N, C-alpha and C. Protein backbone atom coordinates (compact mmCIF):
# COMPACT_ATOMS: atom_id res chain seq x y z
N MET A 1 2.18 -6.28 15.73
CA MET A 1 0.76 -7.08 15.05
C MET A 1 1.13 -7.96 14.46
N ASP A 2 1.24 -9.65 14.22
CA ASP A 2 1.12 -10.60 13.47
C ASP A 2 -0.01 -10.93 12.76
N TYR A 3 0.38 -10.51 11.20
CA TYR A 3 -0.06 -10.96 10.04
C TYR A 3 0.46 -11.71 9.31
N ASP A 4 -0.86 -12.13 8.67
CA ASP A 4 -0.11 -13.64 7.69
C ASP A 4 1.42 -13.30 5.93
N THR A 5 1.91 -14.00 5.70
CA THR A 5 3.62 -13.08 5.01
C THR A 5 2.56 -13.07 3.53
N TYR A 6 1.86 -13.16 3.23
CA TYR A 6 1.40 -12.89 1.74
C TYR A 6 0.99 -11.59 2.33
N GLY A 7 0.20 -11.53 2.79
CA GLY A 7 -1.49 -10.90 2.95
C GLY A 7 -0.23 -9.78 3.79
N SER A 8 1.04 -9.58 4.63
CA SER A 8 1.57 -8.56 4.83
C SER A 8 2.15 -7.70 3.75
N ASN A 9 2.89 -8.71 2.73
CA ASN A 9 3.36 -8.14 1.09
C ASN A 9 2.60 -7.53 0.85
N ALA A 10 1.03 -8.03 -0.05
CA ALA A 10 0.41 -7.38 -0.24
C ALA A 10 0.26 -5.42 -0.09
N VAL A 11 0.09 -5.74 1.30
CA VAL A 11 -0.15 -4.16 2.04
C VAL A 11 1.02 -3.68 2.21
N GLU A 12 2.24 -4.41 2.12
CA GLU A 12 3.46 -3.56 2.14
C GLU A 12 3.25 -2.57 0.60
N LEU A 13 3.19 -3.65 -0.24
CA LEU A 13 2.63 -4.04 -2.10
C LEU A 13 2.00 -1.78 -1.92
N ALA A 14 0.85 -2.09 -1.57
CA ALA A 14 -0.49 -1.47 -1.24
C ALA A 14 0.64 0.11 -0.88
N ILE A 15 1.80 0.33 -0.58
CA ILE A 15 1.80 1.87 1.12
C ILE A 15 3.52 1.74 -0.05
N ASP A 16 3.57 0.73 -1.40
CA ASP A 16 4.80 1.19 -2.32
C ASP A 16 4.45 2.04 -3.09
N LEU A 17 3.18 1.67 -3.01
CA LEU A 17 2.46 2.45 -4.42
C LEU A 17 2.45 3.80 -4.11
N ALA A 18 1.06 3.74 -2.72
CA ALA A 18 1.14 4.99 -1.99
C ALA A 18 2.03 5.69 -1.80
N ASN A 19 3.04 5.60 -1.80
CA ASN A 19 4.36 5.74 -2.10
C ASN A 19 5.15 6.48 -3.06
N ALA A 20 4.88 6.27 -4.08
CA ALA A 20 5.42 6.50 -4.95
C ALA A 20 5.83 7.35 -5.53
N ASP A 21 6.67 8.15 -6.62
CA ASP A 21 6.73 9.22 -6.87
C ASP A 21 6.29 9.48 -8.43
N ARG A 22 5.48 9.90 -8.15
CA ARG A 22 4.23 11.00 -10.20
C ARG A 22 4.92 11.90 -10.43
N ASP A 23 5.94 12.54 -9.74
CA ASP A 23 6.69 13.42 -10.34
C ASP A 23 7.42 13.32 -11.89
N ASP A 24 7.74 12.18 -11.36
CA ASP A 24 8.42 11.18 -13.26
C ASP A 24 7.02 11.27 -13.90
N PRO A 25 6.98 11.63 -15.28
CA PRO A 25 6.02 10.45 -16.05
C PRO A 25 5.89 9.63 -16.80
N GLN A 26 6.23 8.39 -16.21
CA GLN A 26 6.86 7.38 -16.61
C GLN A 26 7.10 6.60 -15.05
N TRP A 27 6.87 7.36 -14.62
CA TRP A 27 6.30 6.45 -12.36
C TRP A 27 5.83 5.25 -12.70
N VAL A 28 4.65 4.54 -13.67
CA VAL A 28 3.79 3.55 -13.40
C VAL A 28 4.41 2.45 -13.29
N GLN A 29 5.07 2.25 -14.99
CA GLN A 29 5.86 1.59 -15.99
C GLN A 29 7.24 1.41 -14.40
N LEU A 30 7.82 2.73 -14.33
CA LEU A 30 8.85 2.17 -13.27
C LEU A 30 8.67 1.62 -11.62
N PHE A 31 7.37 1.21 -11.37
CA PHE A 31 6.70 0.77 -10.46
C PHE A 31 6.42 -0.46 -11.35
N LEU A 32 5.86 -0.55 -11.53
CA LEU A 32 5.58 -2.10 -12.12
C LEU A 32 7.07 -2.77 -12.19
N ASP A 33 7.35 -2.21 -12.77
CA ASP A 33 9.04 -3.13 -12.84
C ASP A 33 9.76 -3.70 -12.03
N ALA A 34 10.32 -2.72 -11.24
CA ALA A 34 10.39 -2.97 -9.45
C ALA A 34 9.33 -3.45 -8.66
N HIS A 35 8.41 -3.95 -8.68
CA HIS A 35 7.17 -4.43 -8.28
C HIS A 35 7.18 -6.08 -9.33
N ASP A 36 7.62 -6.50 -10.10
CA ASP A 36 7.25 -7.48 -11.30
C ASP A 36 7.78 -8.93 -10.66
N GLU A 37 7.82 -8.82 -9.23
CA GLU A 37 7.82 -10.51 -8.80
C GLU A 37 6.01 -10.29 -9.03
N TRP A 38 5.38 -9.37 -8.69
CA TRP A 38 4.07 -9.40 -8.43
C TRP A 38 2.71 -10.15 -9.19
N PHE A 39 3.70 -10.35 -10.42
CA PHE A 39 2.42 -10.31 -11.55
C PHE A 39 3.02 -12.32 -12.24
N THR A 40 2.16 -12.53 -12.51
CA THR A 40 2.07 -13.27 -12.78
C THR A 40 2.91 -12.99 -14.16
N GLU A 41 4.24 -14.46 -14.48
CA GLU A 41 4.81 -14.76 -15.77
C GLU A 41 4.07 -14.79 -16.48
N GLY A 42 4.71 -13.35 -17.93
CA GLY A 42 4.41 -13.55 -18.76
C GLY A 42 2.93 -12.83 -19.03
N THR A 43 2.39 -12.04 -18.50
CA THR A 43 1.98 -10.58 -17.80
C THR A 43 2.87 -9.46 -18.86
N ALA A 44 1.75 -8.59 -19.42
CA ALA A 44 2.95 -7.61 -20.29
C ALA A 44 2.19 -5.91 -18.67
N LEU A 45 3.75 -5.73 -19.08
CA LEU A 45 3.83 -5.32 -18.37
C LEU A 45 3.97 -3.90 -18.94
N GLU A 46 3.71 -3.28 -20.24
CA GLU A 46 3.20 -2.15 -20.71
C GLU A 46 2.50 -2.03 -20.99
N LEU A 47 1.74 -0.49 -20.04
CA LEU A 47 0.46 0.04 -20.25
C LEU A 47 -0.06 0.92 -21.07
N THR A 48 -0.98 0.69 -21.51
CA THR A 48 -2.13 2.14 -22.05
C THR A 48 -2.00 3.12 -20.93
N THR A 49 -2.60 4.44 -22.09
CA THR A 49 -2.43 5.62 -20.79
C THR A 49 -3.42 5.62 -19.66
N THR A 50 -4.17 4.66 -20.57
CA THR A 50 -6.00 4.76 -19.73
C THR A 50 -5.61 4.00 -18.67
N ASP A 51 -4.45 2.89 -19.07
CA ASP A 51 -4.52 1.92 -17.64
C ASP A 51 -3.76 2.50 -17.00
N ALA A 52 -2.63 2.99 -16.88
CA ALA A 52 -2.29 3.50 -16.25
C ALA A 52 -1.76 5.17 -15.66
N GLY A 53 -2.99 5.54 -16.18
CA GLY A 53 -4.63 6.25 -14.85
C GLY A 53 -5.01 5.78 -14.23
N SER A 54 -5.81 4.21 -14.03
CA SER A 54 -6.50 3.55 -14.02
C SER A 54 -5.46 2.64 -12.41
N VAL A 55 -3.33 2.69 -13.15
CA VAL A 55 -3.25 2.64 -11.39
C VAL A 55 -3.01 3.84 -10.41
N ALA A 56 -2.86 4.83 -11.38
CA ALA A 56 -2.26 6.27 -10.36
C ALA A 56 -4.07 6.16 -9.67
N ARG A 57 -5.20 5.60 -9.91
CA ARG A 57 -6.08 5.95 -9.24
C ARG A 57 -6.79 5.27 -8.16
N THR A 58 -5.58 3.94 -8.35
CA THR A 58 -5.71 3.23 -7.27
C THR A 58 -4.46 3.53 -6.44
N ALA A 59 -3.98 4.33 -6.91
CA ALA A 59 -2.74 4.50 -5.64
C ALA A 59 -3.64 5.86 -4.56
N THR A 60 -4.34 6.04 -4.95
CA THR A 60 -5.06 7.30 -4.61
C THR A 60 -5.19 7.05 -4.26
N LEU A 61 -6.00 6.26 -4.22
CA LEU A 61 -7.82 5.68 -3.74
C LEU A 61 -6.40 4.71 -2.49
N VAL A 62 -5.47 4.26 -2.48
CA VAL A 62 -4.79 4.23 -0.71
C VAL A 62 -4.12 5.01 -0.21
N ARG A 63 -4.13 6.08 -0.40
CA ARG A 63 -3.31 6.69 -0.15
C ARG A 63 -4.62 7.67 0.68
N ASP A 64 -5.59 7.81 -0.07
CA ASP A 64 -6.92 8.14 0.58
C ASP A 64 -7.09 7.26 1.75
N VAL A 65 -7.57 6.15 2.07
CA VAL A 65 -7.67 5.47 2.82
C VAL A 65 -6.77 5.33 3.88
N ALA A 66 -5.72 5.42 3.56
CA ALA A 66 -4.44 6.20 5.33
C ALA A 66 -4.28 7.58 5.45
N LEU A 67 -5.31 8.24 4.94
CA LEU A 67 -5.39 9.39 5.45
C LEU A 67 -6.61 10.14 5.67
N ALA A 68 -7.81 9.27 5.58
CA ALA A 68 -8.93 8.72 7.10
C ALA A 68 -8.72 9.10 8.00
N ASP A 69 -9.79 9.72 8.62
CA ASP A 69 -9.47 10.01 9.62
C ASP A 69 -11.48 9.18 11.46
N SER A 70 -11.68 8.66 10.47
CA SER A 70 -12.94 8.10 10.91
C SER A 70 -13.07 6.48 10.05
N GLU A 71 -13.80 5.80 11.72
CA GLU A 71 -13.63 4.54 10.64
C GLU A 71 -14.92 4.78 9.47
N PRO A 72 -15.96 5.53 9.74
CA PRO A 72 -16.34 5.54 8.43
C PRO A 72 -16.06 5.56 6.83
N ASP A 73 -14.89 6.97 7.20
CA ASP A 73 -14.67 7.47 6.47
C ASP A 73 -13.36 6.04 6.07
N VAL A 74 -13.87 5.71 7.04
CA VAL A 74 -11.51 3.90 6.06
C VAL A 74 -13.23 3.39 5.03
N MET A 75 -14.11 3.70 5.61
CA MET A 75 -15.07 2.25 5.20
C MET A 75 -14.89 2.98 3.50
N ALA A 76 -16.02 3.79 4.00
CA ALA A 76 -15.85 4.70 2.67
C ALA A 76 -15.17 4.62 1.06
N ARG A 77 -13.51 4.78 1.43
CA ARG A 77 -12.95 4.90 1.25
C ARG A 77 -12.24 3.99 0.79
N LEU A 78 -11.97 2.78 1.50
CA LEU A 78 -11.79 1.23 1.43
C LEU A 78 -12.39 0.68 0.44
N ASN A 79 -13.97 0.78 0.12
CA ASN A 79 -15.50 0.53 -0.59
C ASN A 79 -14.85 1.04 -2.10
N ALA A 80 -14.66 2.57 -1.90
CA ALA A 80 -14.84 2.70 -3.75
C ALA A 80 -13.06 1.77 -3.82
N LEU A 81 -11.98 1.21 -3.47
CA LEU A 81 -10.97 0.96 -3.29
C LEU A 81 -10.99 -0.89 -3.46
N LEU A 82 -12.00 -1.14 -3.68
CA LEU A 82 -12.30 -2.03 -3.77
C LEU A 82 -13.87 -2.42 -4.57
N GLN A 83 -14.04 -1.81 -5.03
CA GLN A 83 -15.03 -1.89 -6.52
C GLN A 83 -14.19 -1.86 -7.84
N LEU A 84 -13.45 -1.30 -7.25
CA LEU A 84 -11.84 -1.53 -8.46
C LEU A 84 -11.31 -3.22 -8.79
N ALA A 85 -11.54 -3.11 -7.31
CA ALA A 85 -10.83 -4.76 -7.49
C ALA A 85 -11.71 -5.88 -8.12
N SER A 86 -11.27 -7.21 -8.65
CA SER A 86 -11.50 -8.84 -9.23
C SER A 86 -11.43 -9.89 -8.48
N PRO A 87 -11.49 -9.83 -6.77
CA PRO A 87 -11.30 -10.96 -6.45
C PRO A 87 -11.43 -11.88 -7.03
N LYS A 88 -10.49 -13.09 -7.77
CA LYS A 88 -10.34 -14.24 -7.84
C LYS A 88 -9.47 -15.26 -7.31
N PRO A 89 -9.80 -15.13 -6.17
CA PRO A 89 -8.87 -15.86 -4.77
C PRO A 89 -8.62 -16.83 -5.94
N TYR A 90 -7.06 -17.85 -5.13
CA TYR A 90 -7.03 -19.60 -5.97
C TYR A 90 -5.62 -19.99 -5.07
N ALA A 91 -4.96 -20.99 -4.44
CA ALA A 91 -4.31 -20.97 -3.46
C ALA A 91 -3.16 -22.00 -4.81
N THR A 92 -2.46 -21.40 -4.29
CA THR A 92 -1.17 -21.30 -4.73
C THR A 92 0.44 -21.75 -4.32
N ASP A 93 1.45 -22.45 -4.33
CA ASP A 93 2.30 -22.89 -3.92
C ASP A 93 3.97 -22.56 -5.34
N HIS A 94 3.69 -21.75 -5.82
CA HIS A 94 4.82 -21.39 -6.63
C HIS A 94 6.03 -21.70 -6.34
N ASP A 95 5.95 -20.90 -4.64
CA ASP A 95 7.30 -20.62 -4.19
C ASP A 95 8.01 -21.59 -3.08
N GLY A 96 7.18 -22.45 -2.89
CA GLY A 96 7.41 -23.31 -2.30
C GLY A 96 6.31 -23.56 -0.73
N GLU A 97 5.64 -22.59 -0.67
CA GLU A 97 4.15 -22.35 -0.08
C GLU A 97 2.97 -22.19 -0.28
N LEU A 98 2.48 -22.76 -0.01
CA LEU A 98 1.16 -22.60 0.18
C LEU A 98 0.46 -20.78 -0.04
N HIS A 99 -0.15 -20.60 0.05
CA HIS A 99 -0.26 -19.31 0.10
C HIS A 99 -1.43 -18.82 -0.71
N LEU A 100 -2.61 -17.89 -0.68
CA LEU A 100 -3.76 -16.86 -1.53
C LEU A 100 -3.35 -16.03 -2.38
N HIS A 101 -3.52 -16.12 -3.81
CA HIS A 101 -3.87 -15.02 -3.89
C HIS A 101 -4.84 -14.47 -5.10
N TYR A 102 -4.94 -13.61 -4.54
CA TYR A 102 -5.94 -12.65 -4.15
C TYR A 102 -6.48 -12.35 -6.18
N ALA A 103 -5.76 -12.78 -7.17
CA ALA A 103 -5.82 -12.15 -8.69
C ALA A 103 -6.02 -13.65 -9.13
N ARG A 104 -6.56 -13.39 -10.51
CA ARG A 104 -6.91 -15.03 -11.28
C ARG A 104 -4.89 -14.61 -12.34
N PRO A 105 -4.97 -15.75 -12.63
CA PRO A 105 -3.34 -15.90 -13.02
C PRO A 105 -3.37 -15.10 -14.18
N ASP A 106 -4.65 -15.17 -15.34
CA ASP A 106 -4.46 -14.18 -16.59
C ASP A 106 -4.60 -13.05 -16.29
N ALA A 107 -5.21 -12.55 -15.65
CA ALA A 107 -5.68 -11.42 -15.82
C ALA A 107 -4.11 -9.96 -16.24
N ASP A 108 -4.31 -9.42 -16.59
CA ASP A 108 -4.07 -8.41 -16.86
C ASP A 108 -2.66 -7.46 -15.61
N ALA A 109 -2.64 -6.27 -15.84
CA ALA A 109 -1.51 -6.41 -14.99
C ALA A 109 -2.45 -4.67 -13.55
N VAL A 110 -2.85 -4.65 -14.47
CA VAL A 110 -3.76 -3.50 -13.61
C VAL A 110 -5.05 -3.83 -12.14
N GLU A 111 -4.94 -4.63 -13.17
CA GLU A 111 -6.11 -6.38 -12.62
C GLU A 111 -5.90 -6.46 -11.24
N GLN A 112 -4.26 -7.73 -11.46
CA GLN A 112 -3.91 -7.67 -11.50
C GLN A 112 -3.34 -7.32 -9.61
N LEU A 113 -3.03 -5.79 -9.94
CA LEU A 113 -2.16 -5.02 -9.09
C LEU A 113 -3.81 -4.55 -7.97
N THR A 114 -4.80 -4.13 -9.01
CA THR A 114 -5.36 -3.44 -8.58
C THR A 114 -5.71 -4.42 -7.16
N THR A 115 -6.27 -5.68 -7.77
CA THR A 115 -6.91 -6.36 -6.94
C THR A 115 -5.89 -6.84 -5.64
N THR A 116 -4.81 -7.17 -5.64
CA THR A 116 -3.83 -7.51 -4.49
C THR A 116 -3.30 -6.11 -3.53
N VAL A 117 -3.94 -5.07 -3.99
CA VAL A 117 -3.63 -4.11 -3.44
C VAL A 117 -5.17 -4.16 -2.49
N ALA A 118 -6.14 -3.57 -2.96
CA ALA A 118 -7.18 -4.14 -2.62
C ALA A 118 -7.26 -4.76 -1.16
N MET A 119 -6.97 -6.52 -1.31
CA MET A 119 -7.83 -7.25 -1.02
C MET A 119 -6.41 -6.79 0.40
N GLY A 120 -5.11 -6.84 0.43
CA GLY A 120 -3.92 -6.25 1.13
C GLY A 120 -4.52 -5.56 2.39
N LEU A 121 -5.19 -4.64 2.01
CA LEU A 121 -5.84 -3.40 2.24
C LEU A 121 -6.54 -3.71 3.22
N SER A 122 -7.16 -3.88 2.87
CA SER A 122 -8.89 -4.92 3.81
C SER A 122 -8.96 -5.38 4.54
N GLN A 123 -7.77 -6.75 4.24
CA GLN A 123 -7.64 -7.48 5.25
C GLN A 123 -6.95 -7.03 7.05
N VAL A 124 -5.66 -5.85 6.25
CA VAL A 124 -5.19 -4.88 7.14
C VAL A 124 -6.25 -4.51 8.05
N VAL A 125 -7.29 -3.71 7.65
CA VAL A 125 -8.52 -2.72 7.98
C VAL A 125 -8.86 -3.21 9.44
N VAL A 126 -10.22 -4.45 8.25
CA VAL A 126 -10.49 -5.64 9.06
C VAL A 126 -10.44 -5.80 10.83
N GLN A 127 -9.19 -6.92 9.55
CA GLN A 127 -8.50 -7.28 10.73
C GLN A 127 -7.92 -6.65 12.17
N HIS A 128 -6.80 -5.76 11.62
CA HIS A 128 -6.10 -5.41 12.92
C HIS A 128 -6.64 -3.45 13.26
N GLY A 129 -7.73 -3.40 12.54
CA GLY A 129 -7.98 -1.30 13.13
C GLY A 129 -8.20 -0.95 11.68
N TRP A 130 -8.60 -0.19 11.34
CA TRP A 130 -7.85 1.30 10.64
C TRP A 130 -6.93 2.30 11.16
N GLN A 131 -7.08 2.67 12.50
CA GLN A 131 -6.14 2.96 13.18
C GLN A 131 -4.94 2.56 12.75
N ARG A 132 -4.80 1.27 12.44
CA ARG A 132 -3.23 0.70 11.35
C ARG A 132 -2.46 0.81 10.28
N LEU A 133 -3.28 1.89 9.67
CA LEU A 133 -2.72 3.45 8.79
C LEU A 133 -2.42 4.15 9.23
N GLY A 134 -2.01 5.00 8.69
CA GLY A 134 -1.39 6.14 8.67
C GLY A 134 -0.31 6.94 7.71
N VAL A 135 -0.09 8.07 8.16
CA VAL A 135 -0.16 9.53 7.18
C VAL A 135 1.76 9.73 8.34
N CYS A 136 2.68 9.52 7.58
CA CYS A 136 3.81 9.40 8.15
C CYS A 136 4.15 11.66 9.22
N SER A 137 4.28 11.64 10.65
CA SER A 137 3.92 12.98 11.18
C SER A 137 5.54 13.44 10.42
N ALA A 138 6.65 13.36 9.58
CA ALA A 138 7.85 13.96 9.69
C ALA A 138 7.32 15.35 9.21
N GLU A 139 8.24 15.81 9.38
CA GLU A 139 7.93 17.49 8.51
C GLU A 139 8.10 17.34 7.30
N GLY A 140 7.86 17.34 5.84
CA GLY A 140 7.54 17.48 4.98
C GLY A 140 7.80 16.19 4.01
N CYS A 141 7.33 14.67 5.14
CA CYS A 141 7.69 13.98 4.60
C CYS A 141 5.91 12.81 4.10
N GLY A 142 5.01 12.82 4.58
CA GLY A 142 3.76 12.48 3.83
C GLY A 142 3.47 10.90 3.47
N HIS A 143 4.71 9.98 3.24
CA HIS A 143 4.55 8.53 2.97
C HIS A 143 4.04 8.23 4.05
N VAL A 144 3.09 7.29 3.70
CA VAL A 144 1.60 6.54 4.50
C VAL A 144 2.77 5.31 4.54
N TYR A 145 2.13 4.27 5.74
CA TYR A 145 2.93 3.76 6.66
C TYR A 145 1.41 3.36 6.54
N VAL A 146 2.02 1.24 7.51
CA VAL A 146 1.65 0.11 8.29
C VAL A 146 1.81 0.20 9.82
N ASP A 147 1.04 0.39 10.58
CA ASP A 147 1.34 0.29 12.24
C ASP A 147 1.34 -0.48 12.72
N THR A 148 2.89 -1.58 12.47
CA THR A 148 2.93 -2.50 12.92
C THR A 148 2.96 -2.84 14.66
N SER A 149 3.49 -1.72 14.56
CA SER A 149 3.98 -1.70 16.25
C SER A 149 1.67 -2.36 17.58
N ARG A 150 3.40 -2.98 18.40
CA ARG A 150 2.34 -3.66 19.70
C ARG A 150 0.94 -2.88 19.85
N ASN A 151 1.30 -1.18 20.60
CA ASN A 151 0.61 -1.06 21.13
C ASN A 151 -0.05 0.61 20.41
N ALA A 152 -0.10 -0.01 19.23
CA ALA A 152 -0.11 1.16 17.57
C ALA A 152 0.46 2.38 17.68
N SER A 153 1.10 2.65 18.79
CA SER A 153 1.85 3.96 18.66
C SER A 153 2.24 4.95 17.58
N ARG A 154 2.18 4.17 16.49
CA ARG A 154 3.69 4.56 15.60
C ARG A 154 3.78 5.38 14.88
N ARG A 155 4.29 6.57 14.69
CA ARG A 155 4.38 8.41 14.64
C ARG A 155 4.19 9.26 12.74
N TYR A 156 5.83 7.58 12.61
CA TYR A 156 6.75 8.20 10.58
C TYR A 156 6.94 6.91 10.43
N CYS A 157 7.15 7.18 9.60
CA CYS A 157 7.39 5.38 8.50
C CYS A 157 8.51 5.32 7.89
N SER A 158 9.83 5.68 9.34
CA SER A 158 10.65 4.93 9.33
C SER A 158 11.44 5.72 10.59
N ASN A 159 12.59 4.52 10.67
CA ASN A 159 13.14 5.41 11.56
C ASN A 159 14.12 6.49 11.27
N THR A 160 13.89 6.71 10.29
CA THR A 160 15.22 8.14 9.36
C THR A 160 14.28 9.58 9.96
N CYS A 161 13.19 9.46 9.75
CA CYS A 161 11.99 9.97 10.52
C CYS A 161 11.72 10.82 11.48
N ALA A 162 11.63 9.50 12.39
CA ALA A 162 11.49 9.02 13.88
C ALA A 162 13.01 9.83 14.27
N SER A 163 13.43 10.01 14.16
CA SER A 163 15.29 10.53 14.02
C SER A 163 15.22 11.86 14.44
N ARG A 164 14.90 12.34 12.10
CA ARG A 164 15.05 13.49 12.07
C ARG A 164 13.38 14.38 13.01
N SER A 165 12.76 13.59 12.45
CA SER A 165 12.14 14.29 13.76
C SER A 165 12.08 14.68 15.45
N THR A 166 12.91 13.58 15.79
CA THR A 166 13.96 13.53 17.52
C THR A 166 14.77 15.15 17.38
N VAL A 167 15.32 14.54 16.95
CA VAL A 167 16.59 15.79 16.50
C VAL A 167 16.36 16.94 16.38
N ALA A 168 15.30 17.19 15.38
CA ALA A 168 14.82 18.45 15.30
C ALA A 168 14.25 19.04 16.32
N ALA A 169 13.16 18.61 17.37
CA ALA A 169 12.29 18.93 18.89
C ALA A 169 14.03 18.95 19.54
N TYR A 170 14.89 18.20 19.45
CA TYR A 170 15.56 18.26 20.41
C TYR A 170 16.28 20.50 20.62
N ARG A 171 17.09 20.39 19.30
CA ARG A 171 17.30 21.41 18.58
C ARG A 171 16.57 21.93 19.01
N ALA A 172 15.06 22.71 18.31
CA ALA A 172 13.78 23.10 19.34
C ALA A 172 14.16 23.54 20.40
N ARG A 173 14.24 22.38 21.51
CA ARG A 173 14.15 23.40 22.51
C ARG A 173 14.82 23.72 23.09
N GLN A 174 16.62 23.32 22.58
CA GLN A 174 18.45 24.08 23.37
C GLN A 174 18.33 25.29 22.57
N ARG A 175 17.45 25.89 21.97
CA ARG A 175 17.26 27.32 21.37
C ARG A 175 17.35 28.02 21.71
N THR A 176 15.79 27.16 22.57
CA THR A 176 15.24 28.27 24.19
C THR A 176 15.39 28.88 24.76
């Protein structure tokens, strides 16, 4: 599957957000700090409790889109995510390559994150199909992924999970 670099990076941001470890009470701040390159220079990344709740809501909606099992369900969940977005696209070449940003440069961190994630995820769903989003089939994993394989056959979030599942299946066959 081939899609534009910025869009694919926005989707990966969405996937990272959906897979963020929420066990740590500071998970939102840790996530923002780890992905600070996504924010316009000067954007305050210290959030209020309410703002952190908004980021958690966005993360849940991204995961919900990936968990949907029908096109109408995906559309409903994706539209709920898009309702939180405030797209104001603009062209930029800040990194030496002309591309679009989805959120206005003076938006706060929550708006920049939510809009970028919503627009990137929606582009993949609309252009490549809702079946390209999935949840890892490995026992005990549950991470969200985007299937970029040619034949849309991906079942695992990583080679590690695929290998672990293959080895477990092999050992189970050997025991019987």
